[in-house]
Amino acid sequence: MVLTRKKLFFYGLTDLPIAMSLFPVAVFIPRFYASDMGVPLAVIGTILFLVRWTDVVTDPLMGYISDHTNSRFGRRKLWIGLATPLMMLAVFQLFMPNQGQVWLRPVYSVLVDDVHMNWLHLGLWSFMLSVAITMMLIPYYAWGSELSTDYHERSKVTGSRAVFNSLGSLSAQLIPALALLIFGIGGSSVVLQLVGLTMLILMPLCVSLTLFNVAEQPYQPRQQVRIMEGLRLMAANGPFKRLVLAFMIGSLGLNVTTPLYLFFIADVLNAEDKAIYMLSFFYAASILAVPFWVALSKRIGKHRAYLISFFMLAFAHPCYLLLGPGDFWWMLPMTLTTGFAAGGFSQTLPNSMKADVIDLDTLETGENRAALFFSAWSFAQKATASFGGAIALFGLSLVGFEAGVENGSDELFGLRFLFSTFPSLFFLAGAAIVWNYPITEARHAEIRAELEAKAT
C-alpha cells in the first residue's frame, strides 16, 4: 500500500481520544478517588495493580483472535469498532462516578456496604476499561505495523501515532486549563468530567474516520505453527526480548513519575491550580519533538536515537529534587527536556523497532503474527504501568505521605525523591540493555530481502 500523508493522518487520528482518556487514569484518577471518593491510596494501588494483571490472559487471547479473524470488515478493523462503545461506557463510569453510579447503586448494595461502593466501582470499571483498551490497541497497533515494510517509513507510522497520542494527552490538559482560566473552576473532579465528555464526543468520530479512510491488508491464512510453538519462538527471539526488557525497565521510571506528578506540584510546589499548565508544556514538547526523533533515527539509527532519549530522561529528572515551595516556573526547563525526550522514548522509536522484530519472526515462522507480538508488548506495557503505579503509591504510603492533609518535611522529601531521582535508575538500566541492539538498518534490509525471496 502507498503510504501517503493522508493515510498517516487518518491512521494516527484514533490515538487522540485513546490518549485523552488514558492520561487522566494515570494522573488524576488516583488523586480523585483518594481525595474526593475516600478510597485509600494503598487500596487504589492494589486495585490498579490487579486490574493490569488480568491482561496476562486477555492480551495474548486478543492477539491470537485478531491475527486469525476473517471477516468482511477486516481482522483489525472489526475489533477496533467493537471496542469503541465499551471504552466509551467505561470512561463515563470511571470519570463521572456520581452520575454513573445512579443506576448501579442497587446492584452494588447487594454486594458491599456504602463505605466500599466506591472501591467496587473503581475496580469494576477499571477492569472494563482495561478490556476495552486491549480490544482496541492490539489490533490497532498490529494494523500500523502492516502499513509499511520499509525500515524508515515505519518510524513515520509510529511518529504519526505518537503525535496524536501526545495531542490527546495535551488536550486533556488544555480543556480543563481553559475552564480554569475562563471560568475559574478546577480540581481533579472537573478535569475528569470535562475530559470524559470531550472524549465521548471525539472517540466515535475519530475511530470512524480511521476505519473509513485507511485500508487494511487482506486476510492471508498462512498458519504454520501451533500456539505454544509460536510462543516458544517468540520467547527465543533475542532482539524482541532485548527490546521489550529495555522498554519495560525504562518505562518503569516514567510510570513511577506519572501518578506522582500532581502530588509533586500540589504538595511540594504548592501550585495545584497551575498543574494543568505544566502538564501542557510536557505534552506540547512531546509533539514538537516527534519529527526530530524520526529524522535523528534516520540519520544515526533507531536504537542509537532511542539511547539518547534514555540519557536525556536519566540526567534531567534528578534536577526536580532541587525544587521546593514557590518554584513552579523553575520546573519548566526540566519539564521541556523530559517532554522532548518522551517524544521519542514512549511511542515513536520503540514501536518502530518492534515492527522490525516482527519481520524477523515472520521470516522464521512463515506467518504474520503482528497482533500476537503486540499483545505481548501490550501486556509488558500494562504490567510496567501497574508496577510503576504500585511502586509510586505504595512508596508514598511507606514514607508516611497522606493525600489531602498537611505533610511533614520527611514525607515531602520522600515524595520529592520518588518523583525525581529514583526513576533515573530505571532509565540508565534500560539504556544499558538497548546498547548494541542488533537489528540495524542493514540487518533489517537483509531480513526483508529474505522475506521477499521466499514470497517469490
Protein backbone atom coordinates (compact mmCIF):
# COMPACT_ATOMS: atom_id res chain seq x y z
CA MET A 1 0.00 0.00 0.00
CA VAL A 2 1.16 3.53 -0.78
CA LEU A 3 1.89 5.36 2.47
CA THR A 4 0.58 8.90 1.91
CA ARG A 5 0.39 11.78 4.38
CA LYS A 6 -3.40 11.47 4.28
CA LYS A 7 -3.19 7.82 5.29
CA LEU A 8 -0.74 8.63 8.09
CA PHE A 9 -3.07 11.36 9.36
CA PHE A 10 -6.20 9.23 9.43
CA TYR A 11 -4.42 6.21 10.88
CA GLY A 12 -2.92 8.19 13.78
CA LEU A 13 -6.19 10.02 14.49
CA THR A 14 -7.67 7.20 16.59
CA ASP A 15 -4.87 7.52 19.15
CA LEU A 16 -6.08 11.03 20.09
CA PRO A 17 -9.21 10.07 22.07
CA ILE A 18 -7.46 6.97 23.42
CA ALA A 19 -4.66 9.06 24.91
CA MET A 20 -7.16 11.66 26.08
CA SER A 21 -8.83 9.00 28.23
CA LEU A 22 -5.73 7.13 29.38
CA PHE A 23 -3.79 10.15 30.64
CA PRO A 24 -6.30 11.11 33.36
CA VAL A 25 -6.44 7.48 34.51
CA ALA A 26 -2.72 7.62 35.24
CA VAL A 27 -2.55 11.17 36.62
CA PHE A 28 -5.92 12.27 38.02
CA ILE A 29 -7.79 9.06 38.93
CA PRO A 30 -5.51 8.17 41.91
CA ARG A 31 -5.80 11.64 43.48
CA PHE A 32 -9.54 12.00 42.69
CA TYR A 33 -10.55 8.63 44.15
CA ALA A 34 -8.29 9.22 47.17
CA SER A 35 -9.34 12.81 47.93
CA ASP A 36 -12.94 13.01 46.66
CA MET A 37 -14.19 9.41 46.78
CA GLY A 38 -12.49 8.34 50.04
CA VAL A 39 -10.61 5.33 48.68
CA PRO A 40 -7.25 4.80 50.49
CA LEU A 41 -4.09 5.18 48.39
CA ALA A 42 -2.98 1.62 49.19
CA VAL A 43 -6.36 0.28 48.01
CA ILE A 44 -6.16 2.31 44.78
CA GLY A 45 -2.66 0.99 44.16
CA THR A 46 -3.80 -2.59 44.77
CA ILE A 47 -6.87 -2.30 42.52
CA LEU A 48 -4.97 -0.79 39.61
CA PHE A 49 -2.17 -3.33 40.02
CA LEU A 50 -4.54 -6.33 39.99
CA VAL A 51 -6.52 -4.98 37.03
CA ARG A 52 -3.36 -4.73 34.96
CA TRP A 53 -2.51 -8.36 35.66
CA THR A 54 -5.74 -9.62 34.15
CA ASP A 55 -4.05 -8.75 30.86
CA VAL A 56 -1.87 -11.83 31.20
CA VAL A 57 -4.93 -13.65 29.82
CA THR A 58 -6.76 -11.02 27.77
CA ASP A 59 -3.78 -9.63 25.81
CA PRO A 60 -2.46 -12.84 24.18
CA LEU A 61 -6.04 -14.02 23.66
CA MET A 62 -6.88 -10.82 21.79
CA GLY A 63 -3.65 -11.05 19.82
CA TYR A 64 -4.44 -14.58 18.67
CA ILE A 65 -8.07 -13.74 17.85
CA SER A 66 -7.12 -10.64 15.84
CA ASP A 67 -4.44 -12.47 13.86
CA HIS A 68 -6.94 -15.19 12.88
CA THR A 69 -10.13 -13.17 12.38
CA ASN A 70 -11.55 -13.41 8.87
CA SER A 71 -14.49 -11.07 8.33
CA ARG A 72 -15.72 -8.73 5.62
CA PHE A 73 -14.79 -5.84 7.95
CA GLY A 74 -11.15 -6.98 8.25
CA ARG A 75 -9.26 -8.72 11.02
CA ARG A 76 -8.13 -5.46 12.70
CA LYS A 77 -10.99 -3.05 11.96
CA LEU A 78 -13.70 -5.33 13.35
CA TRP A 79 -12.28 -5.36 16.87
CA ILE A 80 -11.46 -1.65 16.88
CA GLY A 81 -15.10 -0.93 16.03
CA LEU A 82 -16.44 -3.30 18.71
CA ALA A 83 -14.12 -1.86 21.37
CA THR A 84 -15.29 1.72 20.83
CA PRO A 85 -18.68 1.68 22.67
CA LEU A 86 -17.26 -0.43 25.52
CA MET A 87 -14.42 2.03 26.03
CA MET A 88 -16.85 4.97 25.99
CA LEU A 89 -19.05 3.35 28.65
CA ALA A 90 -16.07 2.55 30.89
CA VAL A 91 -14.75 6.12 30.65
CA PHE A 92 -18.17 7.53 31.55
CA GLN A 93 -18.45 5.33 34.63
CA LEU A 94 -14.86 5.83 35.78
CA PHE A 95 -14.55 9.57 35.14
CA MET A 96 -18.04 10.57 36.31
CA PRO A 97 -18.86 8.11 39.11
CA ASN A 98 -21.53 10.28 40.73
CA GLN A 99 -23.62 10.14 37.54
CA GLY A 100 -22.59 6.62 36.60
CA GLN A 101 -23.44 5.03 39.94
CA VAL A 102 -27.09 6.20 39.90
CA TRP A 103 -28.36 3.01 38.25
CA LEU A 104 -25.70 0.73 39.74
CA ARG A 105 -26.11 1.51 43.45
CA PRO A 106 -28.93 -1.05 43.97
CA VAL A 107 -26.66 -3.73 42.49
CA TYR A 108 -23.65 -2.57 44.49
CA SER A 109 -25.68 -2.57 47.72
CA VAL A 110 -26.28 -6.30 47.35
CA LEU A 111 -22.54 -6.94 47.25
CA VAL A 112 -20.96 -4.33 49.56
CA ASP A 113 -21.86 -1.68 52.14
CA ASP A 114 -21.91 2.05 51.41
CA VAL A 115 -18.31 2.52 52.59
CA HIS A 116 -16.94 0.14 49.97
CA MET A 117 -19.13 1.08 46.99
CA ASN A 118 -16.50 3.40 45.56
CA TRP A 119 -13.90 0.65 45.93
CA LEU A 120 -16.10 -1.71 43.90
CA HIS A 121 -16.90 0.95 41.30
CA LEU A 122 -13.22 1.78 40.77
CA GLY A 123 -12.29 -1.90 40.45
CA LEU A 124 -15.15 -2.87 38.12
CA TRP A 125 -14.80 -0.03 35.65
CA SER A 126 -11.02 -0.02 35.70
CA PHE A 127 -11.25 -3.65 34.62
CA MET A 128 -13.81 -2.89 31.90
CA LEU A 129 -11.64 -0.05 30.60
CA SER A 130 -8.65 -2.40 30.54
CA VAL A 131 -10.59 -4.96 28.47
CA ALA A 132 -11.74 -2.25 26.05
CA ILE A 133 -8.18 -0.93 25.67
CA THR A 134 -6.95 -4.45 24.91
CA MET A 135 -9.64 -4.90 22.23
CA MET A 136 -8.74 -1.52 20.76
CA LEU A 137 -4.97 -1.18 20.93
CA ILE A 138 -3.68 -4.63 19.99
CA PRO A 139 -5.45 -4.77 16.58
CA TYR A 140 -4.78 -1.03 16.07
CA TYR A 141 -1.03 -1.27 16.67
CA ALA A 142 -0.73 -4.51 14.69
CA TRP A 143 -2.50 -2.79 11.80
CA GLY A 144 0.06 0.01 11.95
CA SER A 145 2.98 -2.42 11.60
CA GLU A 146 1.39 -3.71 8.37
CA LEU A 147 1.05 -0.29 6.71
CA SER A 148 4.69 -0.34 5.54
CA THR A 149 7.60 -2.76 5.33
CA ASP A 150 10.22 0.00 4.99
CA TYR A 151 12.67 0.49 7.89
CA HIS A 152 12.32 4.31 7.95
CA GLU A 153 8.67 4.58 6.88
CA ARG A 154 7.70 2.61 9.96
CA SER A 155 9.07 5.44 12.08
CA LYS A 156 6.70 7.76 10.21
CA VAL A 157 3.76 5.49 11.09
CA THR A 158 4.66 5.34 14.76
CA GLY A 159 5.57 9.03 14.65
CA SER A 160 2.10 9.94 13.37
CA ARG A 161 0.54 7.88 16.12
CA ALA A 162 2.85 9.46 18.70
CA VAL A 163 1.85 12.97 17.61
CA PHE A 164 -1.85 12.22 18.06
CA ASN A 165 -1.12 10.38 21.31
CA SER A 166 0.65 13.43 22.72
CA LEU A 167 -2.02 15.70 21.25
CA GLY A 168 -4.67 13.70 23.08
CA SER A 169 -2.78 13.99 26.35
CA LEU A 170 -2.22 17.70 25.70
CA SER A 171 -5.93 18.17 25.01
CA ALA A 172 -6.64 16.55 28.36
CA GLN A 173 -4.66 19.46 29.87
CA LEU A 174 -5.87 22.32 27.71
CA ILE A 175 -9.59 21.67 28.13
CA PRO A 176 -9.54 21.98 31.96
CA ALA A 177 -6.87 24.70 31.72
CA LEU A 178 -9.26 26.85 29.67
CA ALA A 179 -12.04 26.10 32.16
CA LEU A 180 -9.79 27.28 34.97
CA LEU A 181 -8.62 30.35 33.06
CA ILE A 182 -12.02 31.46 31.74
CA PHE A 183 -14.50 30.23 34.34
CA GLY A 184 -12.26 29.84 37.39
CA ILE A 185 -13.22 26.21 38.00
CA GLY A 186 -10.65 23.49 38.57
CA GLY A 187 -9.69 20.38 40.54
CA SER A 188 -9.42 16.69 39.71
CA SER A 189 -13.20 16.12 39.51
CA VAL A 190 -13.62 18.96 36.99
CA VAL A 191 -10.72 17.67 34.89
CA LEU A 192 -12.19 14.17 34.73
CA GLN A 193 -15.68 15.39 33.86
CA LEU A 194 -14.57 17.79 31.12
CA VAL A 195 -12.08 15.36 29.57
CA GLY A 196 -14.55 12.48 29.82
CA LEU A 197 -17.29 14.38 28.00
CA THR A 198 -14.87 15.53 25.28
CA MET A 199 -13.58 12.00 24.77
CA LEU A 200 -17.14 10.64 24.46
CA ILE A 201 -17.72 13.05 21.57
CA LEU A 202 -14.37 12.60 19.82
CA MET A 203 -13.91 8.84 20.05
CA PRO A 204 -16.68 7.69 17.65
CA LEU A 205 -15.77 10.48 15.24
CA CYS A 206 -12.01 9.73 15.18
CA VAL A 207 -12.43 5.95 15.02
CA SER A 208 -14.92 6.25 12.15
CA LEU A 209 -12.56 8.47 10.16
CA THR A 210 -9.73 5.97 10.66
CA LEU A 211 -11.80 2.93 9.71
CA PHE A 212 -13.26 4.51 6.56
CA ASN A 213 -10.08 6.18 5.25
CA VAL A 214 -7.31 3.62 5.82
CA ALA A 215 -7.24 0.29 4.01
CA GLU A 216 -6.25 -2.94 5.70
CA GLN A 217 -4.16 -5.71 4.22
CA PRO A 218 -6.37 -8.62 3.08
CA TYR A 219 -6.52 -11.69 5.30
CA GLN A 220 -3.98 -14.34 4.33
CA PRO A 221 -4.39 -17.60 6.30
CA ARG A 222 -0.86 -18.98 6.48
CA GLN A 223 -0.68 -20.50 9.97
CA GLN A 224 2.35 -22.79 10.10
CA VAL A 225 3.00 -23.03 13.82
CA ARG A 226 0.81 -24.03 16.76
CA ILE A 227 0.06 -21.52 19.53
CA MET A 228 2.51 -22.92 22.09
CA GLU A 229 5.21 -23.41 19.46
CA GLY A 230 4.64 -19.83 18.34
CA LEU A 231 5.01 -18.54 21.89
CA ARG A 232 8.22 -20.54 22.25
CA LEU A 233 9.61 -18.99 19.08
CA MET A 234 8.63 -15.54 20.32
CA ALA A 235 10.44 -16.20 23.60
CA ALA A 236 13.51 -17.29 21.59
CA ASN A 237 13.50 -14.07 19.56
CA GLY A 238 16.57 -12.38 21.07
CA PRO A 239 16.06 -8.86 19.67
CA PHE A 240 12.42 -8.85 20.79
CA LYS A 241 13.32 -9.93 24.32
CA ARG A 242 16.02 -7.29 24.50
CA LEU A 243 13.76 -4.56 23.17
CA VAL A 244 10.82 -5.37 25.42
CA LEU A 245 13.05 -5.68 28.50
CA ALA A 246 14.68 -2.30 27.83
CA PHE A 247 11.28 -0.73 27.24
CA MET A 248 9.80 -2.24 30.41
CA ILE A 249 12.64 -1.22 32.70
CA GLY A 250 12.96 2.24 31.19
CA SER A 251 9.20 2.78 31.25
CA LEU A 252 9.10 1.88 34.94
CA GLY A 253 10.80 5.22 35.52
CA LEU A 254 8.10 7.17 33.67
CA ASN A 255 5.31 5.13 35.23
CA VAL A 256 6.61 5.88 38.71
CA THR A 257 6.54 9.62 37.98
CA THR A 258 3.11 9.72 36.28
CA PRO A 259 0.83 9.29 39.34
CA LEU A 260 3.23 11.41 41.43
CA TYR A 261 3.18 14.40 39.05
CA LEU A 262 0.10 16.01 40.54
CA PHE A 263 1.17 15.24 44.12
CA PHE A 264 4.57 16.83 43.45
CA ILE A 265 3.12 20.05 42.04
CA ALA A 266 0.38 20.30 44.67
CA ASP A 267 2.26 19.33 47.82
CA VAL A 268 5.90 20.22 47.08
CA LEU A 269 5.48 23.31 44.90
CA ASN A 270 2.14 24.39 46.43
CA ALA A 271 0.76 25.11 42.96
CA GLU A 272 -2.04 22.58 42.33
CA ASP A 273 -4.12 25.14 40.45
CA LYS A 274 -1.27 25.54 37.93
CA ALA A 275 -0.60 21.81 37.38
CA ILE A 276 -2.52 21.76 34.10
CA TYR A 277 -0.18 24.36 32.61
CA MET A 278 2.99 22.37 33.33
CA LEU A 279 1.48 19.16 32.01
CA SER A 280 0.50 21.05 28.86
CA PHE A 281 4.12 22.12 28.35
CA PHE A 282 5.23 18.49 28.74
CA TYR A 283 2.95 17.17 26.02
CA ALA A 284 3.49 20.14 23.71
CA ALA A 285 7.23 19.38 23.87
CA SER A 286 6.49 15.71 23.11
CA ILE A 287 4.51 16.62 20.00
CA LEU A 288 7.10 19.06 18.69
CA ALA A 289 9.88 16.53 19.29
CA VAL A 290 8.48 13.70 17.15
CA PRO A 291 9.82 14.97 13.78
CA PHE A 292 13.22 15.41 15.42
CA TRP A 293 13.32 11.80 16.65
CA VAL A 294 12.15 10.45 13.28
CA ALA A 295 14.87 12.45 11.49
CA LEU A 296 17.53 11.52 14.04
CA SER A 297 16.69 7.80 13.80
CA LYS A 298 17.10 8.02 10.02
CA ARG A 299 20.49 9.66 10.45
CA ILE A 300 22.07 7.56 13.24
CA GLY A 301 19.77 4.53 13.52
CA LYS A 302 16.73 3.83 15.67
CA HIS A 303 18.44 2.25 18.67
CA ARG A 304 21.06 5.00 18.95
CA ALA A 305 18.36 7.67 18.89
CA TYR A 306 16.47 5.60 21.49
CA LEU A 307 19.58 5.62 23.69
CA ILE A 308 19.78 9.40 23.57
CA SER A 309 16.18 9.67 24.81
CA PHE A 310 17.07 7.36 27.74
CA PHE A 311 20.02 9.53 28.74
CA MET A 312 18.06 12.79 28.44
CA LEU A 313 15.47 11.47 30.88
CA ALA A 314 18.06 9.98 33.24
CA PHE A 315 20.04 13.21 33.64
CA ALA A 316 17.13 15.67 33.65
CA HIS A 317 14.95 14.01 36.28
CA PRO A 318 17.21 14.42 39.35
CA CYS A 319 17.03 18.20 38.85
CA TYR A 320 13.45 18.10 40.18
CA LEU A 321 14.92 17.34 43.61
CA LEU A 322 16.18 20.93 43.78
CA LEU A 323 12.67 22.41 43.70
CA GLY A 324 10.53 23.49 46.64
CA PRO A 325 7.58 25.74 47.53
CA GLY A 326 7.14 28.61 45.09
CA ASP A 327 9.46 27.09 42.43
CA PHE A 328 6.71 26.21 39.98
CA TRP A 329 8.16 28.01 36.95
CA TRP A 330 11.69 26.75 37.74
CA MET A 331 10.22 23.36 36.89
CA LEU A 332 9.73 24.38 33.27
CA PRO A 333 13.27 23.59 31.92
CA MET A 334 13.11 20.04 33.33
CA THR A 335 9.58 19.57 32.01
CA LEU A 336 10.52 20.68 28.49
CA THR A 337 13.57 18.39 28.49
CA THR A 338 11.71 15.32 29.73
CA GLY A 339 8.76 16.04 27.43
CA PHE A 340 11.10 16.36 24.44
CA ALA A 341 12.78 13.05 25.34
CA ALA A 342 9.41 11.35 25.81
CA GLY A 343 8.52 12.22 22.20
CA GLY A 344 10.95 9.51 21.07
CA PHE A 345 11.12 7.33 24.16
CA SER A 346 7.46 6.45 24.72
CA GLN A 347 5.96 5.84 21.28
CA THR A 348 7.93 6.68 18.17
CA LEU A 349 11.18 4.72 18.42
CA PRO A 350 10.35 1.50 20.32
CA ASN A 351 7.19 0.85 18.30
CA SER A 352 9.06 1.31 15.04
CA MET A 353 11.81 -1.06 16.27
CA LYS A 354 9.15 -3.58 17.27
CA ALA A 355 7.77 -3.72 13.72
CA ASP A 356 11.27 -4.70 12.53
CA VAL A 357 11.37 -7.51 15.08
CA ILE A 358 8.06 -8.87 13.75
CA ASP A 359 9.67 -9.19 10.30
CA LEU A 360 12.33 -11.45 11.83
CA ASP A 361 9.60 -13.64 13.34
CA THR A 362 7.76 -13.77 10.01
CA LEU A 363 10.98 -14.95 8.35
CA GLU A 364 11.36 -17.74 10.92
CA THR A 365 7.72 -18.89 11.08
CA GLY A 366 6.32 -18.01 7.65
CA GLU A 367 3.36 -16.32 9.35
CA ASN A 368 2.49 -12.68 10.08
CA ARG A 369 1.78 -12.73 13.81
CA ALA A 370 1.85 -8.98 14.38
CA ALA A 371 -1.10 -8.90 16.79
CA LEU A 372 0.39 -11.68 18.93
CA PHE A 373 3.61 -9.69 19.27
CA PHE A 374 1.67 -6.54 20.04
CA SER A 375 -0.32 -8.42 22.66
CA ALA A 376 2.91 -9.46 24.36
CA TRP A 377 4.15 -5.89 24.11
CA SER A 378 0.83 -4.55 25.37
CA PHE A 379 0.95 -6.84 28.37
CA ALA A 380 4.53 -5.79 29.10
CA GLN A 381 3.47 -2.15 28.83
CA LYS A 382 0.49 -2.60 31.14
CA ALA A 383 2.48 -4.69 33.61
CA THR A 384 5.09 -1.96 33.69
CA ALA A 385 2.38 0.64 34.27
CA SER A 386 0.94 -1.44 37.11
CA PHE A 387 4.33 -1.94 38.76
CA GLY A 388 5.26 1.71 38.28
CA GLY A 389 1.96 2.93 39.70
CA ALA A 390 2.16 0.47 42.58
CA ILE A 391 5.73 1.49 43.39
CA ALA A 392 4.68 5.15 43.41
CA LEU A 393 1.54 4.78 45.52
CA PHE A 394 2.92 2.20 47.93
CA GLY A 395 6.09 4.29 48.14
CA LEU A 396 4.02 7.27 49.26
CA SER A 397 2.35 5.12 51.90
CA LEU A 398 5.74 3.79 53.01
CA VAL A 399 7.16 7.27 53.64
CA GLY A 400 4.01 8.24 55.53
CA PHE A 401 2.61 10.62 52.92
CA GLU A 402 -1.17 11.19 53.02
CA ALA A 403 -3.35 12.82 50.36
CA GLY A 404 -5.34 15.93 51.27
CA VAL A 405 -3.56 16.68 54.57
CA GLU A 406 -0.54 18.69 55.69
CA ASN A 407 2.57 16.50 55.41
CA GLY A 408 5.86 17.00 57.26
CA SER A 409 9.33 17.58 55.78
CA ASP A 410 10.27 13.88 55.87
CA GLU A 411 7.13 12.86 53.99
CA LEU A 412 7.63 15.61 51.42
CA PHE A 413 11.27 14.61 50.90
CA GLY A 414 10.10 11.05 50.27
CA LEU A 415 7.71 12.35 47.60
CA ARG A 416 10.45 14.50 46.04
CA PHE A 417 12.93 11.61 45.92
CA LEU A 418 10.40 9.17 44.44
CA PHE A 419 9.47 11.67 41.74
CA SER A 420 12.92 12.99 40.85
CA THR A 421 15.95 10.79 41.45
CA PHE A 422 14.58 7.27 41.86
CA PRO A 423 13.27 6.96 38.24
CA SER A 424 16.72 7.67 36.77
CA LEU A 425 17.93 4.27 37.99
CA PHE A 426 15.43 2.65 35.62
CA PHE A 427 16.32 4.92 32.69
CA LEU A 428 20.02 4.07 32.98
CA ALA A 429 19.32 0.34 33.33
CA GLY A 430 17.14 0.41 30.20
CA ALA A 431 19.86 2.22 28.26
CA ALA A 432 22.39 -0.46 29.22
CA ILE A 433 20.09 -3.18 27.82
CA VAL A 434 19.40 -1.48 24.48
CA TRP A 435 23.11 -0.72 23.95
CA ASN A 436 24.38 -2.50 20.77
CA TYR A 437 20.86 -3.57 19.74
CA PRO A 438 21.36 -5.99 16.80
CA ILE A 439 18.65 -5.04 14.25
CA THR A 440 20.20 -2.12 12.41
CA GLU A 441 19.05 -0.70 9.07
CA ALA A 442 21.48 -3.02 7.25
CA ARG A 443 20.29 -6.11 9.15
CA HIS A 444 16.65 -5.22 8.51
CA ALA A 445 17.36 -4.88 4.78
CA GLU A 446 18.73 -8.44 4.83
CA ILE A 447 15.60 -9.71 6.59
CA ARG A 448 13.30 -8.00 4.08
CA ALA A 449 15.33 -9.39 1.16
CA GLU A 450 14.97 -12.93 2.53
CA LEU A 451 11.23 -12.46 3.05
CA GLU A 452 10.77 -11.21 -0.50
CA ALA A 453 12.82 -14.10 -1.85
CA LYS A 454 10.60 -16.58 -0.02
CA ALA A 455 7.46 -14.88 -1.34
CA THR A 456 8.51 -15.28 -4.98
